[in-house]
C-alpha cells in the first residue's frame, strides 16, 4: 500500500480525495490529513510518506512554500488546484502530476494508473527545481522529458524541431535527438506561445531556429541543424505571418 498524506485546508476537498482513495482498496494507506503548511513541514519528514496530495493554496501559504522549505523531497507529489493556467503550464513543462478541482473521478483514476506505472522518486528534486524555475515569468523555460533512465531537462531555446512518429515524437536539439513516448500534439499544446509553430501534421518547429524558407509547390524551411522541414499548403499562409 502507498503511504499517503493529504495537505488541504478545505474539508470538502480533503473529503473528496478520501472518497476517491476509498474506491481503490488496498492501494493507499492514508497517514494524515494536514490543513496547514507549518504542521506539514513538521509532520511529513517524521511520517515519511510515499505520496502527498498537495494543494497549491493552503490558507495564507502555498504548496510551493512547503516544498521549498523541506530539506529533501523523497516522495511523489500530486498537486490539487483550482484552475490556474500559469501554474498548470509549469506542471506540464516539469512533468509533475496535478488534479483540477473539483476533482473528476476519471482524472483521479488516470493519476492512479500513472502511479502504478511509476512510483520512483529518483528525479523529484530535479523536477521541482525545474518547476520553480518555470514558475518565474522572467526565467528561460525548461522542459522535462521522460527517458529510459528517468528524466532529462532541456532548455526550450535548444529545441530545433520535432517530428511525429505515430504515438511517439522525435525531438531534435542543438546537440542530440531524443525519442519520447508522447504524441506531437502534446508538445504542440505545451509549447504554444513559445515560438513554436506546427508546419505540418507531423512537424513542429522552433521559429527562432529557422535559417531559410523555400517557396514552391512543396514549401519547406531549412533549420539551424540543416534539416529540411515541409510546410503544408494549408499552413503556409499562417507560417508566413508568424515568420514575418
Protein backbone atom coordinates (compact mmCIF):
# COMPACT_ATOMS: atom_id res chain seq x y z
CA UNK A 1 0.00 0.00 0.00
CA UNK A 2 1.14 3.55 -0.75
CA UNK A 3 1.58 5.56 2.45
CA UNK A 4 -0.18 8.85 1.76
CA UNK A 5 -0.62 12.31 3.26
CA UNK A 6 -3.19 14.90 2.16
CA UNK A 7 -2.30 18.57 2.64
CA UNK A 8 -5.52 20.53 2.16
CA UNK A 9 -7.18 23.33 4.17
CA UNK A 10 -10.74 22.82 2.89
CA UNK A 11 -12.56 19.89 4.47
CA UNK A 12 -14.83 19.21 1.50
CA UNK A 13 -11.76 18.95 -0.78
CA UNK A 14 -9.88 16.56 1.50
CA UNK A 15 -13.10 14.53 1.90
CA UNK A 16 -13.34 14.29 -1.89
CA UNK A 17 -9.80 12.90 -2.12
CA UNK A 18 -10.52 10.43 0.68
CA UNK A 19 -13.68 9.26 -1.10
CA UNK A 20 -11.74 8.73 -4.33
CA UNK A 21 -8.96 6.92 -2.47
CA UNK A 22 -11.54 4.57 -0.93
CA UNK A 23 -12.51 3.49 -4.45
CA UNK A 24 -9.04 1.88 -4.71
CA UNK A 25 -8.97 -0.55 -1.77
CA UNK A 26 -5.60 -1.95 -0.72
CA UNK A 27 -3.69 0.69 -2.69
CA UNK A 28 -3.46 3.69 -0.34
CA UNK A 29 -2.79 3.96 3.37
CA UNK A 30 -3.68 7.50 4.50
CA UNK A 31 -1.36 8.51 7.32
CA UNK A 32 -2.68 12.01 7.92
CA UNK A 33 -4.78 14.88 6.62
CA UNK A 34 -2.99 18.17 7.37
CA UNK A 35 -4.66 21.57 6.96
CA UNK A 36 -1.69 23.97 7.23
CA UNK A 37 1.85 24.26 5.91
CA UNK A 38 3.61 24.68 9.27
CA UNK A 39 2.25 21.36 10.57
CA UNK A 40 3.04 19.74 7.22
CA UNK A 41 6.69 20.84 7.44
CA UNK A 42 6.94 19.31 10.90
CA UNK A 43 5.00 16.10 10.32
CA UNK A 44 5.83 14.97 6.77
CA UNK A 45 9.56 14.31 7.43
CA UNK A 46 8.59 12.27 10.52
CA UNK A 47 5.85 10.27 8.82
CA UNK A 48 7.90 9.69 5.63
CA UNK A 49 5.02 9.20 3.17
CA UNK A 50 5.48 7.80 -0.30
CA UNK A 51 2.84 10.13 -1.76
CA UNK A 52 1.48 13.59 -0.93
CA UNK A 53 -1.66 15.18 -2.35
CA UNK A 54 -0.69 18.84 -2.11
CA UNK A 55 -3.00 21.81 -2.53
CA UNK A 56 -1.41 24.84 -4.20
CA UNK A 57 -3.07 27.31 -1.84
CA UNK A 58 -3.18 26.33 1.84
CA UNK A 59 -4.55 29.20 3.93
CA UNK A 60 -2.04 32.05 3.56
CA UNK A 61 0.77 29.87 2.20
CA UNK A 62 1.34 27.66 -0.83
CA UNK A 63 2.31 24.12 -1.62
CA UNK A 64 5.42 25.61 -3.21
CA UNK A 65 6.39 27.12 0.18
CA UNK A 66 6.10 23.64 1.65
CA UNK A 67 8.37 22.01 -0.94
CA UNK A 68 10.97 24.77 -0.88
CA UNK A 69 11.32 24.55 2.89
CA UNK A 70 11.90 20.81 3.05
CA UNK A 71 15.45 19.53 3.40
CA UNK A 72 14.69 16.95 0.68
CA UNK A 73 11.76 15.62 -1.33
CA UNK A 74 11.70 11.82 -1.33
CA UNK A 75 8.02 11.25 -2.08
CA UNK A 76 5.72 11.56 -5.08
CA UNK A 77 3.55 14.67 -5.27
CA UNK A 78 0.19 15.18 -6.92
CA UNK A 79 -0.86 18.82 -6.82
CA UNK A 80 -4.53 19.69 -6.40
CA UNK A 81 -5.64 23.09 -7.61
CA UNK A 82 -8.44 25.26 -8.88
CA UNK A 83 -7.80 26.35 -12.47
CA UNK A 84 -4.57 28.32 -12.71
CA UNK A 85 -3.32 28.32 -16.28
CA UNK A 86 0.17 29.60 -15.46
CA UNK A 87 0.80 27.02 -12.72
CA UNK A 88 -0.66 24.20 -14.81
CA UNK A 89 1.64 25.09 -17.70
CA UNK A 90 4.59 24.93 -15.27
CA UNK A 91 3.46 21.48 -14.07
CA UNK A 92 3.30 20.22 -17.64
CA UNK A 93 6.71 21.64 -18.51
CA UNK A 94 8.17 19.94 -15.44
CA UNK A 95 6.31 16.60 -15.90
CA UNK A 96 4.65 16.89 -12.50
CA UNK A 97 1.19 15.43 -11.87
CA UNK A 98 -1.79 17.57 -10.90
CA UNK A 99 -5.56 17.32 -10.44
CA UNK A 100 -8.02 20.13 -11.11
CA UNK A 101 -10.69 20.91 -8.53
CA UNK A 102 -13.40 19.76 -8.32
CA UNK A 103 -11.51 16.51 -8.83
CA UNK A 104 -13.04 14.33 -11.52
CA UNK A 105 -13.20 10.57 -10.91
CA UNK A 106 -11.69 9.73 -14.31
CA UNK A 107 -8.82 12.19 -13.78
CA UNK A 108 -8.12 10.65 -10.39
CA UNK A 109 -8.15 7.15 -11.86
CA UNK A 110 -5.72 8.29 -14.57
CA UNK A 111 -3.40 9.61 -11.85
CA UNK A 112 -3.66 6.27 -10.04
CA UNK A 113 -2.75 4.45 -13.26
CA UNK A 114 0.35 6.64 -13.60
CA UNK A 115 1.33 5.86 -10.00
CA UNK A 116 1.03 2.13 -10.70
CA UNK A 117 3.45 2.52 -13.61
CA UNK A 118 5.96 4.73 -11.81
CA UNK A 119 6.46 5.35 -8.10
CA UNK A 120 10.12 6.27 -8.49
CA UNK A 121 11.26 9.42 -6.68
CA UNK A 122 14.82 9.41 -8.04
CA UNK A 123 14.29 12.56 -10.12
CA UNK A 124 11.89 14.51 -7.90
CA UNK A 125 14.45 17.08 -6.74
CA UNK A 126 15.35 17.94 -10.35
CA UNK A 127 11.70 18.08 -11.37
CA UNK A 128 10.88 20.53 -8.60
CA UNK A 129 13.91 22.67 -9.46
CA UNK A 130 12.53 22.81 -12.99
CA UNK A 131 9.07 23.64 -11.65
CA UNK A 132 10.28 26.55 -9.51
CA UNK A 133 12.26 27.89 -12.46
CA UNK A 134 9.26 27.60 -14.79
CA UNK A 135 7.06 29.43 -12.27
CA UNK A 136 9.23 32.55 -12.62
CA UNK A 137 7.97 34.63 -15.59
CA UNK A 138 11.41 36.16 -16.25
CA UNK A 139 13.26 32.82 -16.39
CA UNK A 140 14.01 30.97 -19.59
CA UNK A 141 11.79 27.90 -19.60
CA UNK A 142 12.99 24.32 -19.40
CA UNK A 143 11.06 21.18 -20.27
CA UNK A 144 11.32 17.81 -18.52
CA UNK A 145 11.43 14.89 -20.95
CA UNK A 146 10.89 11.28 -19.79
CA UNK A 147 13.70 8.92 -20.74
CA UNK A 148 14.53 5.23 -20.28
CA UNK A 149 16.51 6.02 -17.13
CA UNK A 150 14.30 8.76 -15.66
CA UNK A 151 14.01 12.34 -16.89
CA UNK A 152 16.06 14.72 -18.96
CA UNK A 153 15.90 18.51 -18.79
CA UNK A 154 16.03 20.56 -21.99
CA UNK A 155 16.14 24.31 -22.45
CA UNK A 156 13.29 25.24 -24.76
CA UNK A 157 15.57 27.52 -26.74
CA UNK A 158 17.78 24.50 -27.55
CA UNK A 159 14.94 22.58 -29.23
CA UNK A 160 15.18 23.00 -33.03
CA UNK A 161 12.23 20.94 -34.23
CA UNK A 162 10.07 17.89 -33.52
CA UNK A 163 8.76 15.15 -35.76
CA UNK A 164 5.84 12.80 -35.12
CA UNK A 165 6.31 9.04 -35.29
CA UNK A 166 2.85 7.54 -34.67
CA UNK A 167 2.28 8.00 -30.91
CA UNK A 168 5.95 8.96 -30.35
CA UNK A 169 7.85 12.18 -31.01
CA UNK A 170 11.44 12.72 -32.16
CA UNK A 171 12.90 15.83 -30.53
CA UNK A 172 15.88 17.40 -32.31
CA UNK A 173 18.02 19.73 -30.18
CA UNK A 174 21.28 21.53 -30.87
CA UNK A 175 23.22 18.54 -29.57
CA UNK A 176 21.07 15.40 -29.75
CA UNK A 177 17.99 13.55 -30.98
CA UNK A 178 15.56 12.13 -28.41
CA UNK A 179 12.64 9.73 -28.89
CA UNK A 180 9.79 10.42 -26.45
CA UNK A 181 6.68 8.31 -25.86
CA UNK A 182 4.25 11.21 -26.23
CA UNK A 183 2.37 12.36 -29.36
CA UNK A 184 3.40 15.58 -31.06
CA UNK A 185 0.02 17.11 -30.16
CA UNK A 186 1.11 17.11 -26.52
CA UNK A 187 4.12 19.30 -27.37
CA UNK A 188 2.13 21.46 -29.76
CA UNK A 189 -0.20 22.40 -26.91
CA UNK A 190 2.56 22.65 -24.33
CA UNK A 191 4.83 24.90 -26.40
CA UNK A 192 2.12 27.23 -27.69
CA UNK A 193 3.21 30.86 -27.28
CA UNK A 194 6.86 29.80 -27.06
CA UNK A 195 7.96 30.50 -30.67
CA UNK A 196 6.91 27.05 -31.86
CA UNK A 197 4.81 26.53 -34.98
CA UNK A 198 3.25 23.41 -36.50
CA UNK A 199 4.21 23.48 -40.17
CA UNK A 200 2.68 20.11 -40.97
CA UNK A 201 0.65 17.43 -39.17
CA UNK A 202 3.93 15.66 -38.35
CA UNK A 203 6.25 18.61 -37.75
CA UNK A 204 6.68 21.27 -35.08
CA UNK A 205 9.47 23.84 -35.43
CA UNK A 206 11.11 26.48 -33.28
CA UNK A 207 10.80 29.65 -35.37
CA UNK A 208 13.93 31.04 -33.74
CA UNK A 209 15.95 28.22 -35.33
CA UNK A 210 14.81 28.73 -38.93
CA UNK A 211 17.68 29.52 -41.31
CA UNK A 212 15.86 29.78 -44.66
CA UNK A 213 12.43 29.47 -46.20
CA UNK A 214 11.98 27.93 -49.65
CA UNK A 215 8.77 28.57 -51.54
CA UNK A 216 7.42 26.38 -54.28
CA UNK A 217 4.99 23.55 -54.89
CA UNK A 218 6.36 21.92 -51.74
CA UNK A 219 7.49 24.72 -49.47
CA UNK A 220 9.92 23.92 -46.70
CA UNK A 221 12.23 25.54 -44.16
CA UNK A 222 15.88 24.84 -43.55
CA UNK A 223 16.53 24.63 -39.82
CA UNK A 224 19.71 25.53 -37.95
CA UNK A 225 20.70 21.83 -37.92
CA UNK A 226 20.25 21.77 -41.74
CA UNK A 227 17.09 19.64 -41.51
CA UNK A 228 14.51 20.33 -44.22
CA UNK A 229 11.04 20.54 -42.69
CA UNK A 230 8.00 20.64 -45.04
CA UNK A 231 5.24 23.25 -44.80
CA UNK A 232 1.79 22.02 -45.74
CA UNK A 233 -0.31 24.07 -48.15
CA UNK A 234 -2.92 24.87 -45.53
CA UNK A 235 -0.28 26.02 -43.01
CA UNK A 236 1.76 28.10 -45.44
CA UNK A 237 -0.10 31.41 -45.11
CA UNK A 238 -0.16 31.25 -41.32
CA UNK A 239 3.54 30.34 -41.27
CA UNK A 240 4.47 33.38 -43.34
CA UNK A 241 2.51 35.60 -40.93
CA UNK A 242 4.28 34.04 -37.96
CA UNK A 243 7.70 34.09 -39.56
CA UNK A 244 7.41 37.71 -40.60
